Amino acid sequence: MNKFKRNYMIKMKDIVLEGANILRKKLKEVPFPLNNEDKGNLVCMLNYLKNSQDPIMAEKHKLRAGVGLSANQIGLNKRMFVMYIDGKEYILINPKITSHSINIVYLPDGEGCLSVNRNVLGYVPRYERIKISAYNIDGEIITHSFSGYEAIVAQHEFDHLNGIMFYDKINKSNPFELPNS
């Protein structure tokens, strides 16, 4: 089944919301060579992020801004996610975190998620730097080194592939306890 045609525009109605089983599954590896359906889905996912960051498109289509999107957030059981940050596009298929820093960081205002329609307060501890090995859309093995905000986003999306939501990582007894304390 083809989830989205390459020129389909993903909208908020297509985003799977918390409570759905697919968001709690460890997703399946994507077989290679990549088929046209998977390529089309990845293009649509990336286009959603671009459109959501364009004020005119976002307002016209009532899109929530996003910087990352994983396949299960649009109902697909596939280990792949996309990021669009500061004009840089990332497509990561069957990613693996190959190394990470010791230092832990967090976003002072907490994290959000397109699949979560509520504010969740608390610090989400993340590695300050990570290295990810993955396949790109052409089936080539690539390696990305992410730091700071990009590392946080990549870990957030990587967690989705393992059925982990960002709020699972918040300290339940003290949500604003500093991760390094």
Foldseek 3Di string as FASTA:
>chain_A
DQLDALPDADALVQFAAPPDVLQQAQADAQDPPHDPSVVSVQNNQQVLQVLCPPVVSCVVRVHHHDFKDAPVRRPDRAQWMWGADPNDIDTFGPKDWPDFDPDWDWDPQHDDDSNYPDDDDATQIFTQKIKMWGAGNNRDIDIDIDGDPVRVRVVQRNVSNNSDHRNVRADPVDRHDDPVD
